[in-house]
Each structure stands twice: as C-alpha cells, then as structure tokens.
C-alpha cells in the first residue's frame, strides 16, 4: 500500500478501532490489521513518519485504545472559577513579593553608574592593566 493509504488506515483505526474491536470484530479483522501494521512498521521503504504512526497505533491498541495524551474536554463553570481564583491569588502573591524586594534599590541610573564606574577602568577595558604603561 502507498504511504497515503497506510496513513488513512492508521487514522481510521485510531478513531474507531476500539469500536471495531469490541462491537463488530467477529472474524478478527482488527487483529489481522494489527499484524499487517506490525509488518509495515519495520519496512524501511516507508518514511519514518509513517513507521512511527504505525508504532503509535500498535501501542494504542496495547493500552486498550487509549491515546497517549488525555484529551481535555470543555471545562465546567466551577472549574473555570476555581482556576481563575488560583491564578489571581498567585498573581497577588507574586506582585507583592516583587514590590517589597525592590523598594530599597536605588534608581536604575544610579545602579548603572555604580556598576560601570569609570569608563577607563581596567575592568571596563577587559585587559586588567593600563594600556599606556606597557610602551
């Protein structure tokens, strides 16, 4: 099969594989598909993207058709309110800390002047000695 066909069957089985396996599969259709997917997952003629998609499908079946990542459905109003209250309390705690920590600092220009010092100082030139004394 072409890569496009393999991708389509993977997507189909990822979507409805659990139903096929539990409700419809009287003749082992899903098991035969999984056996074929296992063969194709080691076939180097397919791109790595397709091979990994096949491996993901096989892993999904092993986990009982559960996806790796839990899908988050819509939130209830109470969940939204609780989350918003938590965010507000964290923001209030964070802002009070930052203001109290910075109250005793001198203004920015004074900080920069004290840090930079004299422009001709050895630390500013990066050499550690006076360039005029080595003549």
N, C-alpha and C. Protein backbone atom coordinates (compact mmCIF):
# COMPACT_ATOMS: atom_id res chain seq x y z
N UNK A 1 0.82 -1.20 0.00
CA UNK A 1 0.00 0.00 0.00
C UNK A 1 0.86 1.26 0.00
N UNK A 2 0.30 2.33 -0.52
CA UNK A 2 1.03 3.60 -0.55
C UNK A 2 1.04 4.21 0.86
N UNK A 3 1.93 5.19 1.06
CA UNK A 3 2.01 5.85 2.36
C UNK A 3 0.69 6.52 2.70
N UNK A 4 0.04 7.10 1.71
CA UNK A 4 -1.24 7.76 1.95
C UNK A 4 -2.29 6.77 2.44
N UNK A 5 -2.32 5.59 1.85
CA UNK A 5 -3.28 4.56 2.26
C UNK A 5 -2.99 4.08 3.69
N UNK A 6 -1.71 3.91 3.99
CA UNK A 6 -1.33 3.46 5.34
C UNK A 6 -1.71 4.53 6.36
N UNK A 7 -1.46 5.79 6.02
CA UNK A 7 -1.81 6.87 6.94
C UNK A 7 -3.33 6.91 7.16
N UNK A 8 -4.10 6.71 6.11
CA UNK A 8 -5.56 6.73 6.24
C UNK A 8 -6.06 5.61 7.14
N UNK A 9 -5.52 4.41 6.96
CA UNK A 9 -5.98 3.29 7.80
C UNK A 9 -5.55 3.49 9.24
N UNK A 10 -4.38 4.09 9.45
CA UNK A 10 -3.94 4.40 10.82
C UNK A 10 -4.90 5.38 11.47
N UNK A 11 -5.22 6.45 10.77
CA UNK A 11 -6.14 7.46 11.32
C UNK A 11 -7.51 6.84 11.60
N UNK A 12 -7.98 6.01 10.69
CA UNK A 12 -9.28 5.36 10.86
C UNK A 12 -9.27 4.46 12.09
N UNK A 13 -8.24 3.64 12.22
CA UNK A 13 -8.18 2.73 13.36
C UNK A 13 -7.96 3.47 14.68
N UNK A 14 -7.22 4.59 14.64
CA UNK A 14 -7.04 5.37 15.86
C UNK A 14 -8.37 5.99 16.31
N UNK A 15 -9.23 6.27 15.34
CA UNK A 15 -10.51 6.90 15.65
C UNK A 15 -11.57 5.89 16.07
N UNK A 16 -11.72 4.81 15.32
CA UNK A 16 -12.82 3.87 15.58
C UNK A 16 -12.35 2.45 15.90
N UNK A 17 -11.06 2.27 16.12
CA UNK A 17 -10.54 0.94 16.38
C UNK A 17 -11.14 0.28 17.60
N UNK A 18 -11.38 1.04 18.65
CA UNK A 18 -11.96 0.46 19.86
C UNK A 18 -13.36 -0.06 19.61
N UNK A 19 -14.14 0.63 18.76
CA UNK A 19 -15.49 0.15 18.43
C UNK A 19 -15.42 -1.08 17.54
N UNK A 20 -14.53 -1.05 16.56
CA UNK A 20 -14.41 -2.20 15.68
C UNK A 20 -14.01 -3.45 16.48
N UNK A 21 -13.08 -3.28 17.38
CA UNK A 21 -12.58 -4.41 18.15
C UNK A 21 -13.64 -4.96 19.10
N UNK A 22 -14.47 -4.09 19.66
CA UNK A 22 -15.42 -4.57 20.67
C UNK A 22 -16.78 -4.95 20.11
N UNK A 23 -17.28 -4.24 19.10
CA UNK A 23 -18.64 -4.46 18.64
C UNK A 23 -18.76 -5.26 17.34
N UNK A 24 -17.90 -5.00 16.41
CA UNK A 24 -18.07 -5.53 15.06
C UNK A 24 -17.16 -6.72 14.77
N UNK A 25 -16.02 -6.76 15.39
CA UNK A 25 -14.95 -7.68 15.00
C UNK A 25 -15.28 -9.14 15.37
N UNK A 26 -16.00 -9.81 14.49
CA UNK A 26 -16.32 -11.23 14.70
C UNK A 26 -15.27 -12.14 14.06
N UNK A 27 -14.64 -11.66 13.01
CA UNK A 27 -13.72 -12.50 12.26
C UNK A 27 -12.26 -12.12 12.46
N UNK A 28 -11.96 -11.29 13.42
CA UNK A 28 -10.58 -10.93 13.69
C UNK A 28 -10.01 -9.91 12.73
N UNK A 29 -10.86 -9.04 12.20
CA UNK A 29 -10.42 -8.03 11.24
C UNK A 29 -9.37 -7.11 11.86
N UNK A 30 -9.62 -6.62 13.07
CA UNK A 30 -8.70 -5.68 13.70
C UNK A 30 -7.37 -6.37 14.00
N UNK A 31 -7.43 -7.62 14.46
CA UNK A 31 -6.19 -8.35 14.74
C UNK A 31 -5.36 -8.56 13.48
N UNK A 32 -6.02 -8.86 12.35
CA UNK A 32 -5.28 -9.03 11.10
C UNK A 32 -4.70 -7.69 10.64
N UNK A 33 -5.44 -6.59 10.86
CA UNK A 33 -4.91 -5.26 10.52
C UNK A 33 -3.69 -4.94 11.37
N UNK A 34 -3.75 -5.29 12.65
CA UNK A 34 -2.64 -5.01 13.55
C UNK A 34 -1.41 -5.83 13.17
N UNK A 35 -1.62 -7.07 12.75
CA UNK A 35 -0.49 -7.90 12.31
C UNK A 35 0.17 -7.29 11.09
N UNK A 36 -0.64 -6.81 10.16
CA UNK A 36 -0.10 -6.18 8.96
C UNK A 36 0.60 -4.86 9.31
N UNK A 37 0.04 -4.10 10.24
CA UNK A 37 0.66 -2.84 10.68
C UNK A 37 2.02 -3.11 11.32
N UNK A 38 2.11 -4.22 12.06
CA UNK A 38 3.39 -4.57 12.68
C UNK A 38 4.44 -4.87 11.62
N UNK A 39 4.05 -5.56 10.56
CA UNK A 39 4.97 -5.83 9.46
C UNK A 39 5.41 -4.53 8.78
N UNK A 40 4.46 -3.67 8.50
CA UNK A 40 4.76 -2.42 7.80
C UNK A 40 5.60 -1.47 8.65
N UNK A 41 5.49 -1.56 9.98
CA UNK A 41 6.24 -0.64 10.84
C UNK A 41 7.75 -0.87 10.79
N UNK A 42 8.16 -2.03 10.28
CA UNK A 42 9.59 -2.31 10.15
C UNK A 42 10.08 -2.20 8.71
N UNK A 43 9.17 -1.89 7.80
CA UNK A 43 9.50 -1.77 6.38
C UNK A 43 10.19 -0.43 6.12
N UNK A 44 11.45 -0.47 5.73
CA UNK A 44 12.24 0.75 5.53
C UNK A 44 11.86 1.52 4.27
N UNK A 45 11.01 0.98 3.43
CA UNK A 45 10.59 1.73 2.24
C UNK A 45 9.62 2.85 2.60
N UNK A 46 9.00 2.76 3.76
CA UNK A 46 8.10 3.82 4.23
C UNK A 46 8.90 4.85 5.01
N UNK A 47 8.42 6.07 4.99
CA UNK A 47 9.09 7.14 5.73
C UNK A 47 9.00 6.88 7.23
N UNK A 48 9.90 7.50 7.96
CA UNK A 48 9.90 7.30 9.42
C UNK A 48 8.61 7.83 10.04
N UNK A 49 8.02 8.86 9.46
CA UNK A 49 6.76 9.39 9.98
C UNK A 49 5.66 8.34 9.94
N UNK A 50 5.57 7.61 8.84
CA UNK A 50 4.56 6.57 8.70
C UNK A 50 4.88 5.39 9.62
N UNK A 51 6.15 5.00 9.70
CA UNK A 51 6.52 3.89 10.59
C UNK A 51 6.20 4.21 12.04
N UNK A 52 6.47 5.45 12.46
CA UNK A 52 6.16 5.83 13.84
C UNK A 52 4.65 5.93 14.05
N UNK A 53 3.91 6.32 13.04
CA UNK A 53 2.46 6.35 13.15
C UNK A 53 1.92 4.93 13.35
N UNK A 54 2.49 3.97 12.63
CA UNK A 54 2.10 2.57 12.81
C UNK A 54 2.46 2.07 14.22
N UNK A 55 3.63 2.45 14.69
CA UNK A 55 4.03 2.05 16.05
C UNK A 55 3.11 2.66 17.10
N UNK A 56 2.72 3.92 16.88
CA UNK A 56 1.78 4.57 17.80
C UNK A 56 0.44 3.84 17.82
N UNK A 57 0.00 3.41 16.66
CA UNK A 57 -1.25 2.66 16.57
C UNK A 57 -1.15 1.34 17.33
N UNK A 58 -0.05 0.64 17.15
CA UNK A 58 0.14 -0.63 17.86
C UNK A 58 0.18 -0.40 19.37
N UNK A 59 0.87 0.65 19.81
CA UNK A 59 0.92 0.97 21.23
C UNK A 59 -0.46 1.33 21.77
N UNK A 60 -1.21 2.05 20.96
CA UNK A 60 -2.56 2.45 21.37
C UNK A 60 -3.45 1.22 21.60
N UNK A 61 -3.32 0.23 20.74
CA UNK A 61 -4.12 -0.99 20.92
C UNK A 61 -3.68 -1.73 22.18
N UNK A 62 -2.37 -1.75 22.45
CA UNK A 62 -1.88 -2.41 23.66
C UNK A 62 -2.42 -1.76 24.92
N UNK A 63 -2.62 -0.43 24.87
CA UNK A 63 -3.13 0.31 26.03
C UNK A 63 -4.65 0.27 26.12
N UNK A 64 -5.27 -0.54 25.32
CA UNK A 64 -6.73 -0.61 25.35
C UNK A 64 -7.39 0.53 24.60
N UNK A 65 -6.75 0.98 23.52
CA UNK A 65 -7.23 2.03 22.63
C UNK A 65 -7.27 3.39 23.32
N UNK A 66 -6.43 3.61 24.31
CA UNK A 66 -6.34 4.93 24.94
C UNK A 66 -5.18 5.69 24.30
N UNK A 67 -5.40 6.97 24.08
CA UNK A 67 -4.35 7.80 23.49
C UNK A 67 -3.28 8.09 24.53
N UNK A 68 -2.11 8.47 24.05
CA UNK A 68 -1.01 8.82 24.96
C UNK A 68 -1.37 10.02 25.81
N UNK A 69 -1.95 11.02 25.18
CA UNK A 69 -2.30 12.26 25.87
C UNK A 69 -3.80 12.26 26.12
N UNK A 70 -4.16 12.61 27.33
CA UNK A 70 -5.58 12.71 27.66
C UNK A 70 -6.15 13.95 26.97
N UNK A 71 -7.29 13.78 26.36
CA UNK A 71 -7.93 14.92 25.70
C UNK A 71 -8.71 15.70 26.74
N UNK A 72 -8.49 16.99 26.77
CA UNK A 72 -9.21 17.85 27.69
C UNK A 72 -10.49 18.32 27.04
N UNK A 73 -11.60 17.94 27.63
CA UNK A 73 -12.88 18.38 27.14
C UNK A 73 -13.19 19.77 27.67
N UNK A 74 -14.38 20.24 27.42
CA UNK A 74 -14.76 21.56 27.91
C UNK A 74 -14.81 21.58 29.44
N UNK A 75 -14.44 22.71 30.02
CA UNK A 75 -14.42 22.85 31.47
C UNK A 75 -15.81 23.29 31.96
N UNK A 76 -16.11 22.87 33.18
CA UNK A 76 -17.35 23.34 33.79
C UNK A 76 -17.13 24.75 34.33
N UNK A 77 -18.21 25.44 34.62
CA UNK A 77 -18.12 26.81 35.13
C UNK A 77 -17.37 26.82 36.46
N UNK A 78 -17.61 25.83 37.30
CA UNK A 78 -16.93 25.80 38.60
C UNK A 78 -15.42 25.58 38.42
N UNK A 79 -15.01 24.78 37.44
CA UNK A 79 -13.59 24.58 37.17
C UNK A 79 -12.94 25.88 36.69
N UNK A 80 -13.64 26.62 35.86
CA UNK A 80 -13.12 27.89 35.36
C UNK A 80 -12.97 28.89 36.50
N UNK A 81 -13.98 28.96 37.37
CA UNK A 81 -13.91 29.89 38.51
C UNK A 81 -12.78 29.52 39.46
N UNK A 82 -12.63 28.23 39.75
CA UNK A 82 -11.56 27.78 40.64
C UNK A 82 -10.20 28.11 40.07
N UNK A 83 -10.01 27.87 38.78
CA UNK A 83 -8.74 28.16 38.12
C UNK A 83 -8.45 29.66 38.13
N UNK A 84 -9.47 30.47 37.88
CA UNK A 84 -9.29 31.92 37.87
C UNK A 84 -8.92 32.44 39.26
N UNK A 85 -9.55 31.91 40.29
CA UNK A 85 -9.23 32.32 41.66
C UNK A 85 -7.79 31.94 42.01
N UNK A 86 -7.36 30.77 41.57
CA UNK A 86 -6.00 30.32 41.82
C UNK A 86 -4.99 31.24 41.13
N UNK A 87 -5.28 31.60 39.88
CA UNK A 87 -4.39 32.50 39.14
C UNK A 87 -4.30 33.86 39.81
N UNK A 88 -5.44 34.38 40.27
CA UNK A 88 -5.45 35.69 40.91
C UNK A 88 -4.67 35.67 42.22
N UNK A 89 -4.81 34.61 42.99
CA UNK A 89 -4.08 34.54 44.26
C UNK A 89 -2.58 34.41 44.01
N UNK A 90 -2.18 33.66 42.98
CA UNK A 90 -0.76 33.55 42.65
C UNK A 90 -0.21 34.88 42.18
N UNK A 91 -0.99 35.60 41.38
CA UNK A 91 -0.55 36.90 40.88
C UNK A 91 -0.41 37.90 42.03
N UNK A 92 -1.34 37.84 42.98
CA UNK A 92 -1.27 38.76 44.12
C UNK A 92 -0.05 38.46 44.98
N UNK A 93 0.23 37.19 45.19
CA UNK A 93 1.42 36.82 45.97
C UNK A 93 2.69 37.21 45.24
N UNK A 94 2.76 36.99 43.96
CA UNK A 94 3.95 37.30 43.17
C UNK A 94 4.20 38.80 43.08
N UNK A 95 3.15 39.60 42.91
CA UNK A 95 3.35 41.05 42.77
C UNK A 95 3.74 41.68 44.09
N UNK A 96 3.23 41.17 45.20
CA UNK A 96 3.60 41.76 46.50
C UNK A 96 5.06 41.47 46.82
N UNK A 97 5.55 40.33 46.41
CA UNK A 97 6.96 39.99 46.64
C UNK A 97 7.88 40.88 45.82
N UNK A 98 7.55 41.07 44.54
CA UNK A 98 8.45 41.82 43.67
C UNK A 98 8.53 43.28 44.10
N UNK A 99 7.44 43.88 44.56
CA UNK A 99 7.48 45.27 45.00
C UNK A 99 8.25 45.41 46.30
N UNK A 100 8.03 44.49 47.23
CA UNK A 100 8.71 44.62 48.52
C UNK A 100 10.21 44.37 48.37
N UNK A 101 10.61 43.52 47.45
CA UNK A 101 12.03 43.25 47.25
C UNK A 101 12.75 44.42 46.59
N UNK A 102 12.05 45.22 45.78
CA UNK A 102 12.69 46.28 45.01
C UNK A 102 12.57 47.66 45.65
N UNK A 103 11.92 47.78 46.78
CA UNK A 103 11.71 49.11 47.38
C UNK A 103 13.02 49.77 47.80
N UNK A 104 13.97 49.01 48.27
CA UNK A 104 15.19 49.59 48.81
C UNK A 104 16.28 49.79 47.77
N UNK A 105 16.00 49.49 46.52
CA UNK A 105 17.02 49.64 45.49
C UNK A 105 17.08 51.08 45.00
N UNK A 106 18.29 51.56 44.67
CA UNK A 106 18.40 52.91 44.12
C UNK A 106 17.82 52.94 42.71
N UNK A 107 17.55 54.12 42.20
CA UNK A 107 17.02 54.23 40.83
C UNK A 107 17.97 53.60 39.83
N UNK A 108 17.46 53.21 38.71
CA UNK A 108 18.20 52.48 37.68
C UNK A 108 19.46 53.21 37.24
N UNK A 109 19.41 54.51 36.99
CA UNK A 109 20.60 55.23 36.52
C UNK A 109 21.73 55.16 37.54
N UNK A 110 21.38 55.25 38.83
CA UNK A 110 22.41 55.15 39.86
C UNK A 110 23.01 53.75 39.90
N UNK A 111 22.17 52.76 39.70
CA UNK A 111 22.69 51.39 39.68
C UNK A 111 23.67 51.20 38.53
N UNK A 112 23.32 51.71 37.36
CA UNK A 112 24.18 51.56 36.20
C UNK A 112 25.49 52.31 36.38
N UNK A 113 25.44 53.54 36.93
CA UNK A 113 26.67 54.29 37.15
C UNK A 113 27.59 53.57 38.12
N UNK A 114 27.02 53.06 39.19
CA UNK A 114 27.86 52.38 40.18
C UNK A 114 28.43 51.08 39.61
N UNK A 115 27.71 50.44 38.74
CA UNK A 115 28.21 49.20 38.14
C UNK A 115 29.29 49.48 37.12
N UNK A 116 29.08 50.48 36.24
CA UNK A 116 30.03 50.77 35.17
C UNK A 116 31.26 51.49 35.69
N UNK A 117 31.09 52.33 36.68
CA UNK A 117 32.23 53.07 37.21
C UNK A 117 32.85 53.96 36.16
N UNK A 118 34.16 54.11 36.25
CA UNK A 118 34.90 54.94 35.31
C UNK A 118 35.06 54.19 34.00
N UNK A 119 34.90 54.85 32.90
CA UNK A 119 34.97 54.18 31.59
C UNK A 119 36.36 53.68 31.26
N UNK A 120 37.42 54.26 31.84
CA UNK A 120 38.78 53.85 31.53
C UNK A 120 39.33 52.87 32.55
N UNK A 121 38.46 52.33 33.41
CA UNK A 121 38.96 51.41 34.44
C UNK A 121 39.39 50.10 33.81
N UNK A 122 40.33 49.37 34.44
CA UNK A 122 40.81 48.11 33.88
C UNK A 122 39.69 47.10 33.68
N UNK A 123 38.71 47.07 34.57
CA UNK A 123 37.64 46.11 34.41
C UNK A 123 36.80 46.42 33.18
N UNK A 124 36.70 47.68 32.83
CA UNK A 124 35.92 48.09 31.66
C UNK A 124 36.64 47.71 30.37
N UNK A 125 37.98 47.86 30.34
CA UNK A 125 38.72 47.56 29.12
C UNK A 125 38.86 46.06 28.92
N UNK A 126 38.77 45.29 30.00
CA UNK A 126 38.85 43.85 29.89
C UNK A 126 40.26 43.32 29.87
N UNK A 127 41.30 44.19 29.95
CA UNK A 127 42.68 43.73 29.89
C UNK A 127 43.26 43.51 31.27
N UNK A 128 42.82 44.26 32.26
CA UNK A 128 43.34 44.10 33.61
C UNK A 128 44.59 44.91 33.87
N UNK A 129 45.06 45.73 32.91
CA UNK A 129 46.23 46.59 33.13
C UNK A 129 46.02 47.85 32.31
N UNK A 130 46.82 48.84 32.61
CA UNK A 130 46.73 50.11 31.90
C UNK A 130 47.48 49.97 30.59
N UNK A 131 46.82 50.21 29.47
CA UNK A 131 47.43 50.00 28.16
C UNK A 131 48.61 50.96 27.92
N UNK A 132 48.64 52.12 28.60
CA UNK A 132 49.72 53.09 28.38
C UNK A 132 51.00 52.71 29.08
N UNK A 133 50.97 51.87 30.08
CA UNK A 133 52.19 51.56 30.86
C UNK A 133 53.04 50.49 30.19
N UNK A 134 52.60 49.84 29.14
CA UNK A 134 53.37 48.75 28.53
C UNK A 134 54.22 49.23 27.35
N UNK A 135 54.44 50.52 27.12
CA UNK A 135 55.18 51.02 25.96
C UNK A 135 56.57 50.71 26.02
